C-alpha atoms as a PDB file:
ATOM      1  CA  UNK A   1     -11.209  24.143  26.403  1.00  0.00           C
ATOM      2  CA  UNK A   2     -14.671  23.439  27.356  1.00  0.00           C
ATOM      3  CA  UNK A   3     -16.485  25.237  30.210  1.00  0.00           C
ATOM      4  CA  UNK A   4     -15.132  23.020  32.965  1.00  0.00           C
ATOM      5  CA  UNK A   5     -11.505  23.497  31.893  1.00  0.00           C
ATOM      6  CA  UNK A   6     -11.298  19.947  30.122  1.00  0.00           C
ATOM      7  CA  UNK A   7      -9.977  19.530  26.492  1.00  0.00           C
ATOM      8  CA  UNK A   8     -12.839  18.885  24.099  1.00  0.00           C
ATOM      9  CA  UNK A   9     -11.788  15.504  22.662  1.00  0.00           C
ATOM     10  CA  UNK A  10     -14.861  15.579  20.437  1.00  0.00           C
ATOM     11  CA  UNK A  11     -13.774  18.279  18.224  1.00  0.00           C
ATOM     12  CA  UNK A  12     -12.960  16.997  15.027  1.00  0.00           C
ATOM     13  CA  UNK A  13      -9.635  18.489  13.356  1.00  0.00           C
ATOM     14  CA  UNK A  14      -8.791  17.487   9.964  1.00  0.00           C
ATOM     15  CA  UNK A  15      -5.477  16.046   8.992  1.00  0.00           C
ATOM     16  CA  UNK A  16      -3.026  17.892   6.991  1.00  0.00           C
ATOM     17  CA  UNK A  17      -3.657  15.657   4.003  1.00  0.00           C
ATOM     18  CA  UNK A  18      -7.687  16.105   4.297  1.00  0.00           C
ATOM     19  CA  UNK A  19      -7.194  19.606   4.416  1.00  0.00           C
ATOM     20  CA  UNK A  20      -5.117  19.882   1.269  1.00  0.00           C
ATOM     21  CA  UNK A  21      -7.779  17.886  -0.208  1.00  0.00           C
ATOM     22  CA  UNK A  22      -5.597  14.879  -0.875  1.00  0.00           C
ATOM     23  CA  UNK A  23      -6.143  11.584   0.500  1.00  0.00           C
ATOM     24  CA  UNK A  24      -9.071  10.622  -1.676  1.00  0.00           C
ATOM     25  CA  UNK A  25      -9.233   7.269  -3.529  1.00  0.00           C
ATOM     26  CA  UNK A  26     -10.380   9.706  -6.774  1.00  0.00           C
ATOM     27  CA  UNK A  27      -7.275  11.803  -6.645  1.00  0.00           C
ATOM     28  CA  UNK A  28      -4.740  11.015  -9.037  1.00  0.00           C
ATOM     29  CA  UNK A  29      -0.705  11.506  -8.045  1.00  0.00           C
ATOM     30  CA  UNK A  30       1.479  12.902 -10.953  1.00  0.00           C
ATOM     31  CA  UNK A  31       5.127  12.741 -11.208  1.00  0.00           C
ATOM     32  CA  UNK A  32       6.532  14.908 -13.962  1.00  0.00           C
ATOM     33  CA  UNK A  33       3.189  15.230 -15.173  1.00  0.00           C
ATOM     34  CA  UNK A  34       2.301  11.934 -15.774  1.00  0.00           C
ATOM     35  CA  UNK A  35       0.299   9.613 -13.292  1.00  0.00           C
ATOM     36  CA  UNK A  36       1.859   7.780 -11.124  1.00  0.00           C
ATOM     37  CA  UNK A  37       0.528   5.003  -8.716  1.00  0.00           C
ATOM     38  CA  UNK A  38       1.486   2.620  -6.141  1.00  0.00           C
ATOM     39  CA  UNK A  39       0.741  -1.439  -6.434  1.00  0.00           C
ATOM     40  CA  UNK A  40       0.873  -4.047  -4.095  1.00  0.00           C
ATOM     41  CA  UNK A  41       0.705  -7.676  -5.477  1.00  0.00           C
ATOM     42  CA  UNK A  42       0.297 -10.002  -2.533  1.00  0.00           C
ATOM     43  CA  UNK A  43       1.863 -13.357  -3.045  1.00  0.00           C
ATOM     44  CA  UNK A  44       1.089 -17.092  -1.654  1.00  0.00           C
ATOM     45  CA  UNK A  45       3.030 -20.073  -0.474  1.00  0.00           C
ATOM     46  CA  UNK A  46       2.692 -23.164  -0.989  1.00  0.00           C
ATOM     47  CA  UNK A  47       2.736 -25.255   2.515  1.00  0.00           C
ATOM     48  CA  UNK A  48       3.033 -29.094   2.595  1.00  0.00           C
ATOM     49  CA  UNK A  49       2.015 -31.058   5.427  1.00  0.00           C
ATOM     50  CA  UNK A  50       3.547 -34.442   5.638  1.00  0.00           C
ATOM     51  CA  UNK A  51       1.124 -37.349   6.747  1.00  0.00           C
ATOM     52  CA  UNK A  52       2.524 -40.246   8.063  1.00  0.00           C
ATOM     53  CA  UNK A  53      -0.661 -42.306   6.870  1.00  0.00           C
ATOM     54  CA  UNK A  54      -1.749 -41.315   3.284  1.00  0.00           C
ATOM     55  CA  UNK A  55      -1.029 -38.616   1.195  1.00  0.00           C
ATOM     56  CA  UNK A  56       0.805 -35.342   2.288  1.00  0.00           C
ATOM     57  CA  UNK A  57      -1.556 -32.305   2.168  1.00  0.00           C
ATOM     58  CA  UNK A  58      -0.538 -28.965   0.256  1.00  0.00           C
ATOM     59  CA  UNK A  59      -2.316 -25.531   1.262  1.00  0.00           C
ATOM     60  CA  UNK A  60      -1.812 -22.166  -0.022  1.00  0.00           C
ATOM     61  CA  UNK A  61      -1.023 -19.379   2.648  1.00  0.00           C
ATOM     62  CA  UNK A  62      -0.413 -15.609   2.510  1.00  0.00           C
ATOM     63  CA  UNK A  63       3.191 -14.776   2.343  1.00  0.00           C
ATOM     64  CA  UNK A  64       4.966 -11.460   1.557  1.00  0.00           C
ATOM     65  CA  UNK A  65       3.823  -8.540  -0.353  1.00  0.00           C
ATOM     66  CA  UNK A  66       5.540  -7.279  -3.685  1.00  0.00           C
ATOM     67  CA  UNK A  67       5.134  -3.261  -4.112  1.00  0.00           C
ATOM     68  CA  UNK A  68       5.672  -1.956  -7.466  1.00  0.00           C
ATOM     69  CA  UNK A  69       5.191   1.726  -8.710  1.00  0.00           C
ATOM     70  CA  UNK A  70       3.090   2.257 -11.931  1.00  0.00           C
ATOM     71  CA  UNK A  71       4.467   4.730 -14.256  1.00  0.00           C
ATOM     72  CA  UNK A  72       4.091   5.661 -17.978  1.00  0.00           C
ATOM     73  CA  UNK A  73       2.725   2.519 -18.713  1.00  0.00           C
ATOM     74  CA  UNK A  74       5.147   0.331 -16.989  1.00  0.00           C
ATOM     75  CA  UNK A  75       5.409  -1.665 -13.683  1.00  0.00           C
ATOM     76  CA  UNK A  76       8.967  -1.060 -11.645  1.00  0.00           C
ATOM     77  CA  UNK A  77      10.409  -2.107  -8.509  1.00  0.00           C
ATOM     78  CA  UNK A  78      11.486   0.892  -6.527  1.00  0.00           C
ATOM     79  CA  UNK A  79      15.213   0.654  -7.291  1.00  0.00           C
ATOM     80  CA  UNK A  80      14.451   0.357 -11.216  1.00  0.00           C
ATOM     81  CA  UNK A  81      11.976   3.446 -11.059  1.00  0.00           C
ATOM     82  CA  UNK A  82      14.644   5.341  -9.212  1.00  0.00           C
ATOM     83  CA  UNK A  83      17.319   4.326 -12.104  1.00  0.00           C
ATOM     84  CA  UNK A  84      15.125   5.109 -14.867  1.00  0.00           C
ATOM     85  CA  UNK A  85      13.952   8.484 -13.247  1.00  0.00           C
ATOM     86  CA  UNK A  86      17.398   9.728 -11.572  1.00  0.00           C
ATOM     87  CA  UNK A  87      19.842   8.149 -14.066  1.00  0.00           C
END
């Protein structure tokens, strides 16, 4: 609190991950002593716009994203990773 009874909103309080030294891009996460990483792969879809006069137009648009876990030199979907890690 400041002198006038107002809260001091400018005080920078580090987030728990920052306090623990986590959250930096250079830090490597480990699972059972081996590096593990999350990979997000964006996909695209082809949209065809019909044209009554002339050729139809096709364009690429962003679609959903596929998420993978990189572990032990392999790329897994979440369910596949769980089956591998916790048989």
